[in-house]
Amino acid sequence: MKNKYLYLIRHGQTEFNKQNIVQGSGIDAGLNELGYRQAQAFYEAYRHIPFDKVYTSKLKRTQETVANFIADGIPHEAFEGLNEINWGKKEGRAITAEDDAYYFFMLSEWARGNTDLAIEGGESPRQVSERQNPVLDLILSRPEEEHVLICMHGRAMRIFLCLMLRYDIKEMERFEHSNVCLYQLTHTGSMFTIDRYFDIAHLEGLEA
């Protein structure tokens, strides 16, 4: 079985990101001006890769980030399974000191292995992983798609990387992320390896 090459990126900046407002799967924000420039910078750096397919979440910030590749005629599919974690009642709100303490508690619990614990009104990391798994299986079932571009979201990316690399979900904080960061992975037929970890070289020189 031939290798499959995955290029996994986070979406570009939105005004919600800039203003430190919680997005999650319930907020369908588009890119802001910097987000579009980040997307363009990634396109210029990686347009030479012969991508066979582009996968995104159902949220427009991911689709806008890879719009140039789609406009080039590369086939595209969007899945709710790749959406960001649902942050429940926290979505659409600026992070207060009380919220910050709550997030710290949740992250601590998840790092302890309590990954079935869900944000109030939202999802648990385990639930996110369970909806991601069929999408990953589908991607891996298509050997004709050798070079694949996937655009998704920060927390969801961390969980997806754990799924691909067979790490326990509690290890997800080991994967850094920022807008339009890149993880490049190779699937050898039996396992994934990381070729590039949190690569942001393509964003060098961009100003906020």
N, C-alpha and C. Protein backbone atom coordinates (compact mmCIF):
# COMPACT_ATOMS: atom_id res chain seq x y z
N MET A 1 0.85 -1.19 0.00
CA MET A 1 0.00 0.00 0.00
C MET A 1 0.88 1.24 0.00
N LYS A 2 0.58 2.19 -0.90
CA LYS A 2 1.42 3.39 -0.97
C LYS A 2 1.10 4.35 0.16
N ASN A 3 2.05 5.23 0.44
CA ASN A 3 1.88 6.20 1.51
C ASN A 3 0.79 7.22 1.17
N LYS A 4 0.20 7.77 2.21
CA LYS A 4 -0.75 8.87 2.08
C LYS A 4 -0.19 10.04 2.87
N TYR A 5 -0.25 11.24 2.28
CA TYR A 5 0.35 12.42 2.88
C TYR A 5 -0.75 13.41 3.27
N LEU A 6 -0.86 13.70 4.55
CA LEU A 6 -1.89 14.58 5.06
C LEU A 6 -1.28 15.91 5.51
N TYR A 7 -1.90 16.98 5.08
CA TYR A 7 -1.53 18.34 5.48
C TYR A 7 -2.70 18.89 6.29
N LEU A 8 -2.50 18.98 7.59
CA LEU A 8 -3.56 19.36 8.52
C LEU A 8 -3.32 20.78 9.01
N ILE A 9 -4.27 21.69 8.74
CA ILE A 9 -4.12 23.08 9.16
C ILE A 9 -5.33 23.54 9.96
N ARG A 10 -5.09 24.56 10.78
CA ARG A 10 -6.19 25.24 11.46
C ARG A 10 -6.65 26.40 10.58
N HIS A 11 -7.88 26.80 10.74
CA HIS A 11 -8.44 27.91 9.97
C HIS A 11 -7.74 29.23 10.29
N GLY A 12 -7.93 30.22 9.42
CA GLY A 12 -7.38 31.55 9.62
C GLY A 12 -8.11 32.32 10.71
N GLN A 13 -7.53 33.45 11.06
CA GLN A 13 -8.08 34.25 12.17
C GLN A 13 -9.47 34.81 11.83
N THR A 14 -10.34 34.81 12.83
CA THR A 14 -11.64 35.47 12.75
C THR A 14 -11.65 36.62 13.76
N GLU A 15 -12.66 37.47 13.66
CA GLU A 15 -12.78 38.55 14.66
C GLU A 15 -13.02 37.98 16.04
N PHE A 16 -13.68 36.83 16.13
CA PHE A 16 -13.89 36.18 17.42
C PHE A 16 -12.54 35.78 18.03
N ASN A 17 -11.64 35.23 17.21
CA ASN A 17 -10.29 34.93 17.69
C ASN A 17 -9.61 36.19 18.20
N LYS A 18 -9.66 37.23 17.39
CA LYS A 18 -8.97 38.48 17.72
C LYS A 18 -9.49 39.09 19.01
N GLN A 19 -10.79 39.00 19.24
CA GLN A 19 -11.41 39.60 20.41
C GLN A 19 -11.50 38.64 21.60
N ASN A 20 -10.91 37.45 21.45
CA ASN A 20 -10.88 36.45 22.53
C ASN A 20 -12.30 36.04 22.94
N ILE A 21 -13.15 35.84 21.93
CA ILE A 21 -14.51 35.37 22.15
C ILE A 21 -14.59 33.90 21.76
N VAL A 22 -15.25 33.10 22.58
CA VAL A 22 -15.32 31.66 22.36
C VAL A 22 -16.18 31.37 21.12
N GLN A 23 -15.65 30.55 20.20
CA GLN A 23 -16.39 30.19 18.99
C GLN A 23 -17.04 28.82 19.12
N GLY A 24 -16.27 27.78 18.99
CA GLY A 24 -16.84 26.45 19.03
C GLY A 24 -17.65 26.13 17.79
N SER A 25 -18.35 25.00 17.82
CA SER A 25 -19.08 24.54 16.65
C SER A 25 -20.37 25.31 16.41
N GLY A 26 -20.84 26.06 17.41
CA GLY A 26 -22.09 26.79 17.27
C GLY A 26 -21.95 28.19 16.71
N ILE A 27 -20.73 28.65 16.48
CA ILE A 27 -20.47 29.98 15.94
C ILE A 27 -19.86 29.81 14.55
N ASP A 28 -20.55 30.31 13.53
CA ASP A 28 -20.08 30.14 12.15
C ASP A 28 -19.49 31.45 11.63
N ALA A 29 -18.40 31.88 12.24
CA ALA A 29 -17.76 33.14 11.87
C ALA A 29 -16.87 32.96 10.65
N GLY A 30 -16.81 34.00 9.82
CA GLY A 30 -15.90 34.00 8.69
C GLY A 30 -14.54 34.59 9.07
N LEU A 31 -13.62 34.55 8.13
CA LEU A 31 -12.29 35.08 8.37
C LEU A 31 -12.31 36.61 8.42
N ASN A 32 -11.39 37.18 9.19
CA ASN A 32 -11.19 38.63 9.12
C ASN A 32 -10.07 38.92 8.12
N GLU A 33 -9.66 40.17 8.04
CA GLU A 33 -8.67 40.57 7.02
C GLU A 33 -7.35 39.82 7.20
N LEU A 34 -6.89 39.70 8.44
CA LEU A 34 -5.66 38.95 8.68
C LEU A 34 -5.85 37.48 8.33
N GLY A 35 -7.01 36.94 8.65
CA GLY A 35 -7.29 35.53 8.33
C GLY A 35 -7.18 35.25 6.85
N TYR A 36 -7.68 36.17 6.02
CA TYR A 36 -7.57 35.99 4.58
C TYR A 36 -6.11 36.07 4.12
N ARG A 37 -5.33 36.94 4.75
CA ARG A 37 -3.92 37.04 4.38
C ARG A 37 -3.16 35.78 4.81
N GLN A 38 -3.52 35.22 5.96
CA GLN A 38 -2.91 33.96 6.40
C GLN A 38 -3.25 32.84 5.41
N ALA A 39 -4.51 32.80 4.98
CA ALA A 39 -4.93 31.78 4.02
C ALA A 39 -4.17 31.93 2.70
N GLN A 40 -4.01 33.16 2.25
CA GLN A 40 -3.28 33.41 1.01
C GLN A 40 -1.83 33.00 1.14
N ALA A 41 -1.23 33.28 2.29
CA ALA A 41 0.18 32.93 2.51
C ALA A 41 0.36 31.41 2.47
N PHE A 42 -0.57 30.68 3.08
CA PHE A 42 -0.48 29.22 3.03
C PHE A 42 -0.64 28.72 1.59
N TYR A 43 -1.57 29.31 0.88
CA TYR A 43 -1.81 28.91 -0.52
C TYR A 43 -0.56 29.12 -1.36
N GLU A 44 0.07 30.27 -1.21
CA GLU A 44 1.28 30.57 -1.99
C GLU A 44 2.40 29.59 -1.67
N ALA A 45 2.48 29.18 -0.40
CA ALA A 45 3.56 28.27 0.02
C ALA A 45 3.31 26.83 -0.38
N TYR A 46 2.03 26.43 -0.54
CA TYR A 46 1.72 25.01 -0.74
C TYR A 46 0.89 24.73 -1.99
N ARG A 47 0.73 25.70 -2.85
CA ARG A 47 -0.06 25.48 -4.06
C ARG A 47 0.61 24.49 -5.01
N HIS A 48 1.93 24.26 -4.82
CA HIS A 48 2.64 23.32 -5.67
C HIS A 48 2.38 21.86 -5.30
N ILE A 49 1.80 21.62 -4.12
CA ILE A 49 1.52 20.24 -3.71
C ILE A 49 0.34 19.72 -4.54
N PRO A 50 0.46 18.53 -5.11
CA PRO A 50 -0.62 18.00 -5.97
C PRO A 50 -1.76 17.39 -5.14
N PHE A 51 -2.48 18.25 -4.43
CA PHE A 51 -3.55 17.75 -3.58
C PHE A 51 -4.63 17.06 -4.41
N ASP A 52 -5.05 15.90 -3.94
CA ASP A 52 -6.12 15.15 -4.58
C ASP A 52 -7.48 15.47 -3.99
N LYS A 53 -7.51 15.94 -2.76
CA LYS A 53 -8.78 16.23 -2.10
C LYS A 53 -8.56 17.25 -0.98
N VAL A 54 -9.56 18.08 -0.76
CA VAL A 54 -9.59 19.01 0.37
C VAL A 54 -10.76 18.61 1.26
N TYR A 55 -10.49 18.42 2.55
CA TYR A 55 -11.53 18.15 3.53
C TYR A 55 -11.59 19.32 4.51
N THR A 56 -12.81 19.71 4.87
CA THR A 56 -12.99 20.76 5.87
C THR A 56 -14.13 20.37 6.80
N SER A 57 -14.29 21.18 7.84
CA SER A 57 -15.50 21.09 8.65
C SER A 57 -16.65 21.73 7.87
N LYS A 58 -17.82 21.74 8.47
CA LYS A 58 -18.98 22.40 7.86
C LYS A 58 -18.98 23.91 8.10
N LEU A 59 -18.04 24.40 8.90
CA LEU A 59 -18.03 25.82 9.28
C LEU A 59 -17.24 26.63 8.26
N LYS A 60 -17.75 27.82 7.95
CA LYS A 60 -17.21 28.57 6.82
C LYS A 60 -15.79 29.08 7.05
N ARG A 61 -15.35 29.22 8.29
CA ARG A 61 -13.98 29.70 8.50
C ARG A 61 -12.94 28.70 7.98
N THR A 62 -13.27 27.40 8.01
CA THR A 62 -12.34 26.43 7.43
C THR A 62 -12.41 26.46 5.90
N GLN A 63 -13.61 26.58 5.37
CA GLN A 63 -13.77 26.56 3.92
C GLN A 63 -13.19 27.82 3.27
N GLU A 64 -13.31 28.96 3.95
CA GLU A 64 -12.71 30.18 3.44
C GLU A 64 -11.18 30.10 3.45
N THR A 65 -10.63 29.38 4.41
CA THR A 65 -9.17 29.27 4.53
C THR A 65 -8.57 28.52 3.35
N VAL A 66 -9.28 27.55 2.82
CA VAL A 66 -8.77 26.74 1.70
C VAL A 66 -9.49 27.04 0.39
N ALA A 67 -10.18 28.17 0.34
CA ALA A 67 -11.00 28.51 -0.84
C ALA A 67 -10.17 28.58 -2.12
N ASN A 68 -8.92 29.02 -2.03
CA ASN A 68 -8.09 29.11 -3.23
C ASN A 68 -7.80 27.73 -3.82
N PHE A 69 -7.59 26.74 -2.97
CA PHE A 69 -7.36 25.38 -3.46
C PHE A 69 -8.62 24.83 -4.11
N ILE A 70 -9.77 25.10 -3.51
CA ILE A 70 -11.04 24.64 -4.07
C ILE A 70 -11.29 25.33 -5.41
N ALA A 71 -10.95 26.63 -5.48
CA ALA A 71 -11.13 27.38 -6.74
C ALA A 71 -10.24 26.83 -7.84
N ASP A 72 -9.13 26.20 -7.47
CA ASP A 72 -8.25 25.57 -8.46
C ASP A 72 -8.83 24.28 -9.03
N GLY A 73 -9.96 23.87 -8.49
CA GLY A 73 -10.61 22.67 -8.99
C GLY A 73 -10.35 21.41 -8.20
N ILE A 74 -9.69 21.53 -7.04
CA ILE A 74 -9.44 20.36 -6.21
C ILE A 74 -10.76 19.94 -5.55
N PRO A 75 -11.15 18.68 -5.66
CA PRO A 75 -12.40 18.23 -5.05
C PRO A 75 -12.43 18.49 -3.54
N HIS A 76 -13.60 18.82 -3.03
CA HIS A 76 -13.76 19.24 -1.64
C HIS A 76 -14.95 18.54 -1.02
N GLU A 77 -14.77 18.09 0.22
CA GLU A 77 -15.87 17.55 1.01
C GLU A 77 -15.82 18.17 2.40
N ALA A 78 -16.99 18.46 2.96
CA ALA A 78 -17.10 19.05 4.30
C ALA A 78 -17.88 18.10 5.20
N PHE A 79 -17.41 17.93 6.44
CA PHE A 79 -18.02 17.01 7.39
C PHE A 79 -18.22 17.68 8.74
N GLU A 80 -19.40 17.48 9.33
CA GLU A 80 -19.64 17.96 10.68
C GLU A 80 -18.70 17.28 11.67
N GLY A 81 -18.26 16.07 11.31
CA GLY A 81 -17.33 15.36 12.19
C GLY A 81 -16.02 16.10 12.42
N LEU A 82 -15.68 17.03 11.53
CA LEU A 82 -14.45 17.82 11.67
C LEU A 82 -14.71 19.18 12.32
N ASN A 83 -15.97 19.45 12.72
CA ASN A 83 -16.28 20.73 13.38
C ASN A 83 -15.51 20.87 14.70
N GLU A 84 -15.41 22.10 15.16
CA GLU A 84 -14.80 22.37 16.45
C GLU A 84 -15.63 21.73 17.57
N ILE A 85 -15.01 21.54 18.71
CA ILE A 85 -15.73 21.07 19.88
C ILE A 85 -16.86 22.06 20.18
N ASN A 86 -17.97 21.56 20.67
CA ASN A 86 -19.07 22.42 21.09
C ASN A 86 -18.77 22.90 22.51
N TRP A 87 -18.56 24.22 22.64
CA TRP A 87 -18.23 24.81 23.94
C TRP A 87 -19.48 25.20 24.73
N GLY A 88 -20.65 24.74 24.28
CA GLY A 88 -21.88 24.89 25.05
C GLY A 88 -22.24 26.33 25.35
N LYS A 89 -22.57 26.59 26.60
CA LYS A 89 -23.05 27.90 27.02
C LYS A 89 -21.97 28.98 26.96
N LYS A 90 -20.73 28.59 26.74
CA LYS A 90 -19.63 29.56 26.69
C LYS A 90 -19.48 30.20 25.31
N GLU A 91 -20.12 29.62 24.30
CA GLU A 91 -19.92 30.11 22.94
C GLU A 91 -20.51 31.51 22.74
N GLY A 92 -19.78 32.32 21.97
CA GLY A 92 -20.23 33.67 21.67
C GLY A 92 -19.99 34.67 22.78
N ARG A 93 -19.25 34.27 23.81
CA ARG A 93 -18.99 35.15 24.95
C ARG A 93 -17.51 35.44 25.07
N ALA A 94 -17.20 36.68 25.45
CA ALA A 94 -15.82 37.01 25.79
C ALA A 94 -15.45 36.26 27.06
N ILE A 95 -14.20 35.84 27.15
CA ILE A 95 -13.75 35.04 28.29
C ILE A 95 -13.55 35.94 29.51
N THR A 96 -14.32 35.68 30.55
CA THR A 96 -14.20 36.40 31.81
C THR A 96 -13.22 35.66 32.72
N ALA A 97 -12.90 36.27 33.85
CA ALA A 97 -12.02 35.61 34.82
C ALA A 97 -12.66 34.32 35.33
N GLU A 98 -13.99 34.34 35.51
CA GLU A 98 -14.71 33.15 35.94
C GLU A 98 -14.64 32.06 34.88
N ASP A 99 -14.82 32.46 33.61
CA ASP A 99 -14.72 31.49 32.52
C ASP A 99 -13.32 30.91 32.44
N ASP A 100 -12.33 31.76 32.62
CA ASP A 100 -10.94 31.31 32.54
C ASP A 100 -10.67 30.23 33.58
N ALA A 101 -11.18 30.45 34.79
CA ALA A 101 -11.01 29.46 35.85
C ALA A 101 -11.72 28.15 35.50
N TYR A 102 -12.89 28.27 34.87
CA TYR A 102 -13.65 27.09 34.46
C TYR A 102 -12.89 26.30 33.39
N TYR A 103 -12.33 27.02 32.41
CA TYR A 103 -11.55 26.35 31.37
C TYR A 103 -10.33 25.66 31.97
N PHE A 104 -9.67 26.32 32.90
CA PHE A 104 -8.50 25.72 33.55
C PHE A 104 -8.89 24.43 34.26
N PHE A 105 -10.04 24.45 34.93
CA PHE A 105 -10.52 23.24 35.60
C PHE A 105 -10.79 22.12 34.59
N MET A 106 -11.47 22.47 33.48
CA MET A 106 -11.80 21.45 32.47
C MET A 106 -10.55 20.87 31.84
N LEU A 107 -9.59 21.74 31.49
CA LEU A 107 -8.35 21.25 30.89
C LEU A 107 -7.58 20.36 31.86
N SER A 108 -7.61 20.71 33.13
CA SER A 108 -6.94 19.90 34.15
C SER A 108 -7.59 18.53 34.26
N GLU A 109 -8.91 18.50 34.23
CA GLU A 109 -9.64 17.23 34.30
C GLU A 109 -9.35 16.37 33.07
N TRP A 110 -9.34 17.00 31.91
CA TRP A 110 -9.06 16.25 30.68
C TRP A 110 -7.64 15.68 30.71
N ALA A 111 -6.70 16.49 31.20
CA ALA A 111 -5.30 16.02 31.27
C ALA A 111 -5.14 14.88 32.27
N ARG A 112 -6.03 14.81 33.23
CA ARG A 112 -6.02 13.70 34.20
C ARG A 112 -6.64 12.44 33.62
N GLY A 113 -7.24 12.56 32.44
CA GLY A 113 -7.85 11.40 31.81
C GLY A 113 -9.36 11.39 31.84
N ASN A 114 -9.98 12.43 32.40
CA ASN A 114 -11.44 12.50 32.47
C ASN A 114 -11.98 13.11 31.18
N THR A 115 -11.73 12.43 30.07
CA THR A 115 -12.07 12.99 28.76
C THR A 115 -13.53 12.74 28.37
N ASP A 116 -14.31 12.12 29.26
CA ASP A 116 -15.76 12.01 29.06
C ASP A 116 -16.49 13.20 29.68
N LEU A 117 -15.77 14.06 30.37
CA LEU A 117 -16.37 15.24 30.99
C LEU A 117 -16.63 16.29 29.93
N ALA A 118 -17.89 16.71 29.81
CA ALA A 118 -18.28 17.67 28.79
C ALA A 118 -18.40 19.08 29.36
N ILE A 119 -18.05 20.06 28.53
CA ILE A 119 -18.34 21.44 28.85
C ILE A 119 -19.85 21.57 29.07
N GLU A 120 -20.26 22.42 30.00
CA GLU A 120 -21.68 22.60 30.30
C GLU A 120 -22.44 22.98 29.02
N GLY A 121 -23.38 22.12 28.62
CA GLY A 121 -24.16 22.36 27.43
C GLY A 121 -23.45 21.99 26.13
N GLY A 122 -22.25 21.45 26.24
CA GLY A 122 -21.45 21.17 25.05
C GLY A 122 -20.99 19.73 24.99
N GLU A 123 -19.80 19.54 24.42
CA GLU A 123 -19.27 18.21 24.17
C GLU A 123 -18.07 17.89 25.05
N SER A 124 -17.81 16.62 25.16
CA SER A 124 -16.58 16.13 25.77
C SER A 124 -15.56 15.83 24.68
N PRO A 125 -14.28 15.80 25.02
CA PRO A 125 -13.28 15.38 24.02
C PRO A 125 -13.55 13.99 23.46
N ARG A 126 -14.07 13.10 24.28
CA ARG A 126 -14.38 11.74 23.80
C ARG A 126 -15.45 11.78 22.73
N GLN A 127 -16.46 12.61 22.92
CA GLN A 127 -17.53 12.73 21.92
C GLN A 127 -16.98 13.29 20.61
N VAL A 128 -16.08 14.25 20.70
CA VAL A 128 -15.47 14.81 19.49
C VAL A 128 -14.69 13.73 18.75
N SER A 129 -13.90 12.97 19.48
CA SER A 129 -13.11 11.90 18.87
C SER A 129 -14.01 10.87 18.18
N GLU A 130 -15.12 10.57 18.80
CA GLU A 130 -16.03 9.56 18.25
C GLU A 130 -16.67 10.03 16.94
N ARG A 131 -16.93 11.34 16.81
CA ARG A 131 -17.49 11.82 15.54
C ARG A 131 -16.40 12.04 14.49
N GLN A 132 -15.16 12.19 14.93
CA GLN A 132 -14.05 12.32 13.98
C GLN A 132 -13.66 10.98 13.37
N ASN A 133 -13.79 9.92 14.14
CA ASN A 133 -13.27 8.63 13.73
C ASN A 133 -13.82 8.14 12.38
N PRO A 134 -15.13 8.26 12.12
CA PRO A 134 -15.63 7.82 10.80
C PRO A 134 -15.05 8.64 9.65
N VAL A 135 -14.77 9.93 9.89
CA VAL A 135 -14.19 10.76 8.84
C VAL A 135 -12.77 10.31 8.54
N LEU A 136 -12.00 10.05 9.59
CA LEU A 136 -10.64 9.55 9.39
C LEU A 136 -10.65 8.21 8.66
N ASP A 137 -11.56 7.32 9.05
CA ASP A 137 -11.67 6.03 8.38
C ASP A 137 -11.98 6.21 6.89
N LEU A 138 -12.86 7.17 6.59
CA LEU A 138 -13.21 7.43 5.20
C LEU A 138 -12.00 7.93 4.41
N ILE A 139 -11.27 8.86 4.99
CA ILE A 139 -10.08 9.40 4.33
C ILE A 139 -9.06 8.29 4.05
N LEU A 140 -8.86 7.43 5.03
CA LEU A 140 -7.87 6.35 4.88
C LEU A 140 -8.35 5.26 3.92
N SER A 141 -9.66 5.20 3.68
CA SER A 141 -10.20 4.17 2.79
C SER A 141 -10.07 4.52 1.32
N ARG A 142 -9.52 5.70 1.02
CA ARG A 142 -9.44 6.18 -0.35
C ARG A 142 -7.97 6.27 -0.80
N PRO A 143 -7.40 5.16 -1.24
CA PRO A 143 -5.97 5.15 -1.61
C PRO A 143 -5.66 6.04 -2.80
N GLU A 144 -6.66 6.35 -3.61
CA GLU A 144 -6.43 7.22 -4.77
C GLU A 144 -6.15 8.66 -4.34
N GLU A 145 -6.52 9.03 -3.11
CA GLU A 145 -6.24 10.37 -2.58
C GLU A 145 -4.91 10.33 -1.84
N GLU A 146 -3.84 10.56 -2.57
CA GLU A 146 -2.50 10.42 -1.99
C GLU A 146 -2.09 11.64 -1.18
N HIS A 147 -2.40 12.82 -1.69
CA HIS A 147 -2.08 14.07 -1.00
C HIS A 147 -3.38 14.74 -0.58
N VAL A 148 -3.55 14.91 0.71
CA VAL A 148 -4.82 15.38 1.26
C VAL A 148 -4.59 16.61 2.12
N LEU A 149 -5.42 17.63 1.91
CA LEU A 149 -5.40 18.84 2.73
C LEU A 149 -6.64 18.84 3.60
N ILE A 150 -6.45 19.01 4.91
CA ILE A 150 -7.55 19.03 5.87
C ILE A 150 -7.49 20.34 6.65
N CYS A 151 -8.59 21.07 6.68
CA CYS A 151 -8.65 22.31 7.46
C CYS A 151 -9.73 22.17 8.53
N MET A 152 -9.34 22.40 9.77
CA MET A 152 -10.29 22.27 10.87
C MET A 152 -10.02 23.30 11.96
N HIS A 153 -10.13 22.92 13.22
CA HIS A 153 -10.16 23.87 14.33
C HIS A 153 -9.20 23.46 15.43
N GLY A 154 -8.86 24.42 16.30
CA GLY A 154 -7.80 24.21 17.27
C GLY A 154 -7.98 23.02 18.20
N ARG A 155 -9.04 23.04 19.02
CA ARG A 155 -9.25 21.93 19.95
C ARG A 155 -9.52 20.63 19.19
N ALA A 156 -10.32 20.74 18.13
CA ALA A 156 -10.62 19.55 17.32
C ALA A 156 -9.35 18.97 16.69
N MET A 157 -8.42 19.85 16.28
CA MET A 157 -7.14 19.38 15.72
C MET A 157 -6.36 18.58 16.75
N ARG A 158 -6.32 19.09 17.95
CA ARG A 158 -5.57 18.38 19.01
C ARG A 158 -6.13 16.97 19.20
N ILE A 159 -7.44 16.87 19.22
CA ILE A 159 -8.08 15.57 19.41
C ILE A 159 -7.86 14.68 18.18
N PHE A 160 -7.94 15.26 17.00
CA PHE A 160 -7.74 14.51 15.75
C PHE A 160 -6.31 13.96 15.67
N LEU A 161 -5.35 14.74 16.10
CA LEU A 161 -3.96 14.29 16.10
C LEU A 161 -3.78 13.12 17.07
N CYS A 162 -4.43 13.18 18.21
CA CYS A 162 -4.38 12.03 19.13
C CYS A 162 -4.98 10.79 18.47
N LEU A 163 -6.08 10.98 17.76
CA LEU A 163 -6.73 9.85 17.08
C LEU A 163 -5.81 9.25 16.03
N MET A 164 -5.18 10.10 15.23
CA MET A 164 -4.32 9.61 14.16
C MET A 164 -3.08 8.92 14.70
N LEU A 165 -2.51 9.48 15.76
CA LEU A 165 -1.25 8.96 16.28
C LEU A 165 -1.43 7.94 17.39
N ARG A 166 -2.71 7.62 17.68
CA ARG A 166 -3.05 6.61 18.68
C ARG A 166 -2.58 7.00 20.07
N TYR A 167 -2.63 8.27 20.37
CA TYR A 167 -2.35 8.76 21.71
C TYR A 167 -3.65 8.78 22.50
N ASP A 168 -3.54 8.63 23.79
CA ASP A 168 -4.69 8.85 24.65
C ASP A 168 -5.11 10.32 24.52
N ILE A 169 -6.43 10.57 24.50
CA ILE A 169 -6.92 11.93 24.32
C ILE A 169 -6.39 12.88 25.40
N LYS A 170 -6.09 12.36 26.57
CA LYS A 170 -5.58 13.22 27.63
C LYS A 170 -4.25 13.87 27.27
N GLU A 171 -3.58 13.36 26.23
CA GLU A 171 -2.30 13.90 25.79
C GLU A 171 -2.45 15.06 24.80
N MET A 172 -3.66 15.51 24.54
CA MET A 172 -3.89 16.46 23.44
C MET A 172 -3.17 17.80 23.60
N GLU A 173 -2.87 18.20 24.82
CA GLU A 173 -2.21 19.49 25.01
C GLU A 173 -0.77 19.51 24.49
N ARG A 174 -0.24 18.36 24.16
CA ARG A 174 1.12 18.32 23.61
C ARG A 174 1.16 18.92 22.20
N PHE A 175 0.01 19.06 21.57
CA PHE A 175 -0.06 19.60 20.21
C PHE A 175 -0.44 21.08 20.25
N GLU A 176 0.53 21.93 19.93
CA GLU A 176 0.27 23.36 19.88
C GLU A 176 -0.57 23.70 18.65
N HIS A 177 -1.21 24.85 18.70
CA HIS A 177 -1.90 25.32 17.50
C HIS A 177 -2.02 26.83 17.52
N SER A 178 -2.09 27.39 16.32
CA SER A 178 -2.39 28.80 16.10
C SER A 178 -3.03 28.88 14.72
N ASN A 179 -3.55 30.04 14.37
CA ASN A 179 -4.25 30.15 13.08
C ASN A 179 -3.34 29.80 11.91
N VAL A 180 -3.81 28.88 11.09
CA VAL A 180 -3.14 28.39 9.88
C VAL A 180 -1.76 27.78 10.16
N CYS A 181 -1.62 27.17 11.33
CA CYS A 181 -0.45 26.34 11.58
C CYS A 181 -0.62 25.03 10.82
N LEU A 182 0.49 24.36 10.54
CA LEU A 182 0.48 23.13 9.76
C LEU A 182 1.09 21.97 10.53
N TYR A 183 0.40 20.83 10.48
CA TYR A 183 0.97 19.54 10.85
C TYR A 183 0.96 18.69 9.58
N GLN A 184 2.14 18.23 9.19
CA GLN A 184 2.23 17.36 8.02
C GLN A 184 2.51 15.94 8.50
N LEU A 185 1.69 15.00 8.04
CA LEU A 185 1.80 13.62 8.48
C LEU A 185 1.85 12.67 7.29
N THR A 186 2.51 11.54 7.49
CA THR A 186 2.53 10.46 6.50
C THR A 186 1.87 9.23 7.10
N HIS A 187 0.95 8.64 6.32
CA HIS A 187 0.36 7.37 6.72
C HIS A 187 0.97 6.27 5.86
N THR A 188 1.60 5.33 6.51
CA THR A 188 2.38 4.31 5.80
C THR A 188 1.54 3.08 5.42
N GLY A 189 0.28 3.11 5.81
CA GLY A 189 -0.58 1.96 5.60
C GLY A 189 -0.98 1.32 6.91
N SER A 190 -0.13 1.51 7.92
CA SER A 190 -0.44 0.94 9.24
C SER A 190 -0.36 1.98 10.35
N MET A 191 0.32 3.09 10.11
CA MET A 191 0.50 4.09 11.17
C MET A 191 0.81 5.45 10.57
N PHE A 192 0.62 6.49 11.40
CA PHE A 192 0.98 7.85 11.04
C PHE A 192 2.31 8.24 11.68
N THR A 193 3.08 9.05 10.95
CA THR A 193 4.24 9.72 11.52
C THR A 193 4.10 11.22 11.24
N ILE A 194 4.66 12.05 12.13
CA ILE A 194 4.62 13.49 11.92
C ILE A 194 5.90 13.93 11.22
N ASP A 195 5.75 14.59 10.09
CA ASP A 195 6.89 15.11 9.34
C ASP A 195 7.15 16.58 9.66
N ARG A 196 6.09 17.31 9.93
CA ARG A 196 6.22 18.71 10.36
C ARG A 196 5.28 18.95 11.52
N TYR A 197 5.83 19.53 12.58
CA TYR A 197 5.07 19.77 13.81
C TYR A 197 4.87 21.27 13.99
N PHE A 198 3.63 21.71 14.02
CA PHE A 198 3.30 23.12 14.30
C PHE A 198 4.16 24.05 13.44
N ASP A 199 4.11 23.85 12.15
CA ASP A 199 4.91 24.64 11.21
C ASP A 199 4.16 25.93 10.86
N ILE A 200 4.78 27.07 11.13
CA ILE A 200 4.18 28.37 10.79
C ILE A 200 5.13 29.21 9.94
N ALA A 201 6.11 28.55 9.32
CA ALA A 201 7.10 29.28 8.51
C ALA A 201 6.45 30.05 7.37
N HIS A 202 5.34 29.53 6.84
CA HIS A 202 4.66 30.18 5.72
C HIS A 202 4.01 31.51 6.12
N LEU A 203 3.88 31.75 7.43
CA LEU A 203 3.25 32.99 7.93
C LEU A 203 4.27 34.05 8.28
N GLU A 204 5.53 33.76 8.07
CA GLU A 204 6.58 34.71 8.44
C GLU A 204 6.39 36.04 7.70
N GLY A 205 6.45 37.12 8.47
CA GLY A 205 6.33 38.46 7.88
C GLY A 205 4.92 39.02 7.90
N LEU A 206 3.93 38.19 8.23
CA LEU A 206 2.56 38.72 8.33
C LEU A 206 2.41 39.51 9.61
N GLU A 207 1.76 40.65 9.50
CA GLU A 207 1.52 41.50 10.67
C GLU A 207 0.05 41.46 11.04
N ALA A 208 -0.21 41.52 12.32
CA ALA A 208 -1.60 41.43 12.82
C ALA A 208 -2.43 42.63 12.44
